[in-house]
Amino acid sequence: MIINVLKLLNDETLNYEFRLFQDDLKGYGDDYEGKLDENGALVKGSIKKLGATEFLMKFTLTGVIVYPCARCLTPTPVSSVFEFEDTIETDPGTETIDMVPYVEECLFINEPFKVLCDEDCKGLCPSCGANLNQEQCSCGDESDIDPRMEALKKLL
């Protein structure tokens, strides 16, 4: 989303609203775990000219973001509302501001540390990789214990 700021006067505010989809995002790539759902995210805010090259940008991002569960990797939708406010500097004579990098930054800094599909998620079997929420695996016997760790077993 490109916003034309050329005609903004000092202390004048321009309101905007647009919907952003996953394909529009490009900046953080693999560093960002979440993906916008098929409905995208609604970005609603304002930009105010503070000086010749300085703008105050504020917006609220609302949408559903799908993260992988930290234990079993199941896609987990999370309803999200993020607030963003920043003062940005532009080059003299700048006519437009691309909003996508700022939306990406907002998503990145608000990414949750850990998302669980359920508080009681059992995760994946460390041996065979089976999702223990959906099936019971038979590889859980204790004969597969690393011989170097055998001494620790005696402490239990």
C-alpha atoms as a PDB file:
ATOM      1  CA  MET A   1       0.000   0.000   0.000  1.00  0.00           C
ATOM      2  CA  ILE A   2       1.488   3.271  -1.153  1.00  0.00           C
ATOM      3  CA  ILE A   3       0.372   6.535   0.459  1.00  0.00           C
ATOM      4  CA  ASN A   4       0.869   9.830  -1.365  1.00  0.00           C
ATOM      5  CA  VAL A   5       2.176  12.400   1.140  1.00  0.00           C
ATOM      6  CA  LEU A   6       3.358  15.072  -1.278  1.00  0.00           C
ATOM      7  CA  LYS A   7       0.380  17.394  -0.711  1.00  0.00           C
ATOM      8  CA  LEU A   8       0.217  17.058   3.083  1.00  0.00           C
ATOM      9  CA  LEU A   9       0.778  20.366   4.876  1.00  0.00           C
ATOM     10  CA  ASN A  10       2.503  20.614   8.279  1.00  0.00           C
ATOM     11  CA  ASP A  11       0.284  19.287  11.083  1.00  0.00           C
ATOM     12  CA  GLU A  12      -2.172  17.901   8.524  1.00  0.00           C
ATOM     13  CA  THR A  13      -3.356  14.307   9.028  1.00  0.00           C
ATOM     14  CA  LEU A  14      -4.280  11.779   6.369  1.00  0.00           C
ATOM     15  CA  ASN A  15      -6.428   8.783   7.408  1.00  0.00           C
ATOM     16  CA  TYR A  16      -6.147   5.480   5.556  1.00  0.00           C
ATOM     17  CA  GLU A  17      -7.556   1.959   5.622  1.00  0.00           C
ATOM     18  CA  PHE A  18      -6.533  -1.064   3.559  1.00  0.00           C
ATOM     19  CA  ARG A  19      -6.401  -4.850   3.667  1.00  0.00           C
ATOM     20  CA  LEU A  20      -3.048  -6.598   3.370  1.00  0.00           C
ATOM     21  CA  PHE A  21      -2.579 -10.253   2.379  1.00  0.00           C
ATOM     22  CA  GLN A  22       0.255 -12.733   2.915  1.00  0.00           C
ATOM     23  CA  ASP A  23       1.477 -12.341  -0.680  1.00  0.00           C
ATOM     24  CA  ASP A  24       1.967  -8.599  -0.081  1.00  0.00           C
ATOM     25  CA  LEU A  25       4.517  -9.240   2.682  1.00  0.00           C
ATOM     26  CA  LYS A  26       8.113  -9.744   1.642  1.00  0.00           C
ATOM     27  CA  GLY A  27      10.542  -8.259   4.143  1.00  0.00           C
ATOM     28  CA  TYR A  28      11.136 -10.768   6.943  1.00  0.00           C
ATOM     29  CA  GLY A  29      10.707 -14.038   5.052  1.00  0.00           C
ATOM     30  CA  ASP A  30      11.785 -17.030   7.120  1.00  0.00           C
ATOM     31  CA  ASP A  31      12.421 -14.943  10.241  1.00  0.00           C
ATOM     32  CA  TYR A  32       8.696 -14.590  10.832  1.00  0.00           C
ATOM     33  CA  GLU A  33       6.784 -17.731  11.866  1.00  0.00           C
ATOM     34  CA  GLY A  34       3.234 -16.452  11.437  1.00  0.00           C
ATOM     35  CA  LYS A  35       1.211 -16.249   8.239  1.00  0.00           C
ATOM     36  CA  LEU A  36      -1.860 -14.105   7.638  1.00  0.00           C
ATOM     37  CA  ASP A  37      -4.968 -16.212   7.022  1.00  0.00           C
ATOM     38  CA  GLU A  38      -6.841 -16.071   3.713  1.00  0.00           C
ATOM     39  CA  ASN A  39      -8.785 -12.957   4.835  1.00  0.00           C
ATOM     40  CA  GLY A  40      -5.587 -10.951   5.350  1.00  0.00           C
ATOM     41  CA  ALA A  41      -5.248  -8.174   7.912  1.00  0.00           C
ATOM     42  CA  LEU A  42      -7.066  -4.860   8.146  1.00  0.00           C
ATOM     43  CA  VAL A  43      -4.728  -1.898   8.613  1.00  0.00           C
ATOM     44  CA  LYS A  44      -6.417   1.301   9.744  1.00  0.00           C
ATOM     45  CA  GLY A  45      -4.597   4.436  10.800  1.00  0.00           C
ATOM     46  CA  SER A  46      -3.294   7.891  10.056  1.00  0.00           C
ATOM     47  CA  ILE A  47      -0.158   9.680   8.983  1.00  0.00           C
ATOM     48  CA  LYS A  48       0.604  13.219  10.116  1.00  0.00           C
ATOM     49  CA  LYS A  49       3.205  15.538   8.657  1.00  0.00           C
ATOM     50  CA  LEU A  50       5.379  16.946  11.443  1.00  0.00           C
ATOM     51  CA  GLY A  51       7.975  18.732   9.368  1.00  0.00           C
ATOM     52  CA  ALA A  52       9.471  18.888   5.886  1.00  0.00           C
ATOM     53  CA  THR A  53      10.699  15.289   6.001  1.00  0.00           C
ATOM     54  CA  GLU A  54       9.179  13.961   9.251  1.00  0.00           C
ATOM     55  CA  PHE A  55       5.908  12.045   9.622  1.00  0.00           C
ATOM     56  CA  LEU A  56       4.051  10.483  12.548  1.00  0.00           C
ATOM     57  CA  MET A  57       2.555   7.157  11.536  1.00  0.00           C
ATOM     58  CA  LYS A  58      -0.081   5.377  13.639  1.00  0.00           C
ATOM     59  CA  PHE A  59      -2.121   2.311  12.765  1.00  0.00           C
ATOM     60  CA  THR A  60      -3.976  -0.668  14.167  1.00  0.00           C
ATOM     61  CA  LEU A  61      -3.558  -4.056  12.515  1.00  0.00           C
ATOM     62  CA  THR A  62      -6.431  -6.515  13.008  1.00  0.00           C
ATOM     63  CA  GLY A  63      -6.518 -10.043  11.668  1.00  0.00           C
ATOM     64  CA  VAL A  64      -6.038 -13.750  12.217  1.00  0.00           C
ATOM     65  CA  ILE A  65      -2.458 -14.955  12.080  1.00  0.00           C
ATOM     66  CA  VAL A  66      -1.679 -18.661  11.809  1.00  0.00           C
ATOM     67  CA  TYR A  67       1.363 -19.819  13.792  1.00  0.00           C
ATOM     68  CA  PRO A  68       2.774 -23.353  14.117  1.00  0.00           C
ATOM     69  CA  CYS A  69       2.179 -24.893  17.557  1.00  0.00           C
ATOM     70  CA  ALA A  70       5.463 -24.848  19.478  1.00  0.00           C
ATOM     71  CA  ARG A  71       5.048 -28.503  20.484  1.00  0.00           C
ATOM     72  CA  CYS A  72       3.329 -30.332  17.600  1.00  0.00           C
ATOM     73  CA  LEU A  73       3.643 -27.856  14.678  1.00  0.00           C
ATOM     74  CA  THR A  74      -0.122 -27.893  14.012  1.00  0.00           C
ATOM     75  CA  PRO A  75      -1.211 -24.633  12.308  1.00  0.00           C
ATOM     76  CA  THR A  76      -2.878 -22.577  15.059  1.00  0.00           C
ATOM     77  CA  PRO A  77      -4.956 -19.471  14.239  1.00  0.00           C
ATOM     78  CA  VAL A  78      -4.586 -16.547  16.648  1.00  0.00           C
ATOM     79  CA  SER A  79      -6.866 -13.486  16.542  1.00  0.00           C
ATOM     80  CA  SER A  80      -4.579 -10.482  16.765  1.00  0.00           C
ATOM     81  CA  VAL A  81      -4.886  -6.727  17.256  1.00  0.00           C
ATOM     82  CA  PHE A  82      -1.601  -4.815  17.184  1.00  0.00           C
ATOM     83  CA  GLU A  83      -1.015  -1.084  17.671  1.00  0.00           C
ATOM     84  CA  PHE A  84       1.885   0.647  15.930  1.00  0.00           C
ATOM     85  CA  GLU A  85       3.214   4.186  16.226  1.00  0.00           C
ATOM     86  CA  ASP A  86       6.467   5.554  14.854  1.00  0.00           C
ATOM     87  CA  THR A  87       8.020   8.781  13.645  1.00  0.00           C
ATOM     88  CA  ILE A  88       9.683   8.337  10.289  1.00  0.00           C
ATOM     89  CA  GLU A  89      12.143  10.468   8.344  1.00  0.00           C
ATOM     90  CA  THR A  90      12.024  10.628   4.558  1.00  0.00           C
ATOM     91  CA  ASP A  91      14.294  12.122   1.928  1.00  0.00           C
ATOM     92  CA  PRO A  92      13.445  15.688   0.845  1.00  0.00           C
ATOM     93  CA  GLY A  93      10.915  15.652  -1.988  1.00  0.00           C
ATOM     94  CA  THR A  94       9.549  12.211  -1.149  1.00  0.00           C
ATOM     95  CA  GLU A  95       6.105  11.881  -2.700  1.00  0.00           C
ATOM     96  CA  THR A  96       4.972   8.485  -1.389  1.00  0.00           C
ATOM     97  CA  ILE A  97       5.472   6.190   1.581  1.00  0.00           C
ATOM     98  CA  ASP A  98       5.188   2.415   1.243  1.00  0.00           C
ATOM     99  CA  MET A  99       3.278   1.081   4.256  1.00  0.00           C
ATOM    100  CA  VAL A 100       4.209  -2.605   3.811  1.00  0.00           C
ATOM    101  CA  PRO A 101       7.615  -2.445   5.598  1.00  0.00           C
ATOM    102  CA  TYR A 102       5.973  -0.810   8.627  1.00  0.00           C
ATOM    103  CA  VAL A 103       3.219  -3.438   8.742  1.00  0.00           C
ATOM    104  CA  GLU A 104       5.883  -6.146   8.523  1.00  0.00           C
ATOM    105  CA  GLU A 105       7.795  -4.533  11.378  1.00  0.00           C
ATOM    106  CA  CYS A 106       4.604  -4.410  13.446  1.00  0.00           C
ATOM    107  CA  LEU A 107       3.974  -8.120  12.826  1.00  0.00           C
ATOM    108  CA  PHE A 108       7.577  -9.019  13.589  1.00  0.00           C
ATOM    109  CA  ILE A 109       7.875  -7.135  16.889  1.00  0.00           C
ATOM    110  CA  ASN A 110       4.518  -8.467  18.101  1.00  0.00           C
ATOM    111  CA  GLU A 111       5.139 -12.102  17.206  1.00  0.00           C
ATOM    112  CA  PRO A 112       4.390 -14.255  20.260  1.00  0.00           C
ATOM    113  CA  PHE A 113       7.261 -16.206  21.777  1.00  0.00           C
ATOM    114  CA  LYS A 114       5.317 -19.472  21.923  1.00  0.00           C
ATOM    115  CA  VAL A 115       1.921 -20.491  20.520  1.00  0.00           C
ATOM    116  CA  LEU A 116       0.243 -23.720  21.621  1.00  0.00           C
ATOM    117  CA  CYS A 117      -2.672 -25.386  19.833  1.00  0.00           C
ATOM    118  CA  ASP A 118      -3.907 -26.465  23.281  1.00  0.00           C
ATOM    119  CA  GLU A 119      -2.520 -26.014  26.789  1.00  0.00           C
ATOM    120  CA  ASP A 120      -2.418 -29.826  27.104  1.00  0.00           C
ATOM    121  CA  CYS A 121      -0.618 -30.367  23.771  1.00  0.00           C
ATOM    122  CA  LYS A 122       1.499 -33.533  23.970  1.00  0.00           C
ATOM    123  CA  GLY A 123       3.784 -32.552  21.110  1.00  0.00           C
ATOM    124  CA  LEU A 124       5.686 -34.872  18.796  1.00  0.00           C
ATOM    125  CA  CYS A 125       7.355 -38.165  19.648  1.00  0.00           C
ATOM    126  CA  PRO A 126      11.119 -37.490  19.730  1.00  0.00           C
ATOM    127  CA  SER A 127      11.827 -40.889  18.144  1.00  0.00           C
ATOM    128  CA  CYS A 128       9.312 -41.338  15.319  1.00  0.00           C
ATOM    129  CA  GLY A 129       7.823 -37.819  14.997  1.00  0.00           C
ATOM    130  CA  ALA A 130       4.210 -38.925  15.491  1.00  0.00           C
ATOM    131  CA  ASN A 131       1.791 -36.259  16.698  1.00  0.00           C
ATOM    132  CA  LEU A 132       0.956 -37.573  20.175  1.00  0.00           C
ATOM    133  CA  ASN A 133      -2.323 -35.611  20.210  1.00  0.00           C
ATOM    134  CA  GLN A 134      -3.626 -37.734  17.343  1.00  0.00           C
ATOM    135  CA  GLU A 135      -2.012 -41.139  17.857  1.00  0.00           C
ATOM    136  CA  GLN A 136      -0.110 -43.253  20.355  1.00  0.00           C
ATOM    137  CA  CYS A 137       3.250 -44.437  19.092  1.00  0.00           C
ATOM    138  CA  SER A 138       4.878 -47.733  20.066  1.00  0.00           C
ATOM    139  CA  CYS A 139       8.457 -46.508  20.076  1.00  0.00           C
ATOM    140  CA  GLY A 140       8.310 -45.181  23.645  1.00  0.00           C
ATOM    141  CA  ASP A 141       9.986 -48.197  25.257  1.00  0.00           C
ATOM    142  CA  GLU A 142      13.041 -47.521  27.395  1.00  0.00           C
ATOM    143  CA  SER A 143      15.395 -49.810  25.451  1.00  0.00           C
ATOM    144  CA  ASP A 144      16.339 -46.914  23.199  1.00  0.00           C
ATOM    145  CA  ILE A 145      18.088 -44.996  25.985  1.00  0.00           C
ATOM    146  CA  ASP A 146      21.482 -43.626  25.013  1.00  0.00           C
ATOM    147  CA  PRO A 147      24.060 -45.699  26.939  1.00  0.00           C
ATOM    148  CA  ARG A 148      25.858 -42.488  27.937  1.00  0.00           C
ATOM    149  CA  MET A 149      22.707 -41.407  29.802  1.00  0.00           C
ATOM    150  CA  GLU A 150      22.170 -44.729  31.613  1.00  0.00           C
ATOM    151  CA  ALA A 151      23.761 -43.382  34.826  1.00  0.00           C
ATOM    152  CA  LEU A 152      21.184 -40.564  34.954  1.00  0.00           C
ATOM    153  CA  LYS A 153      18.352 -43.120  34.884  1.00  0.00           C
ATOM    154  CA  LYS A 154      19.516 -44.455  38.234  1.00  0.00           C
ATOM    155  CA  LEU A 155      18.865 -41.044  39.825  1.00  0.00           C
ATOM    156  CA  LEU A 156      15.120 -41.272  39.090  1.00  0.00           C
END
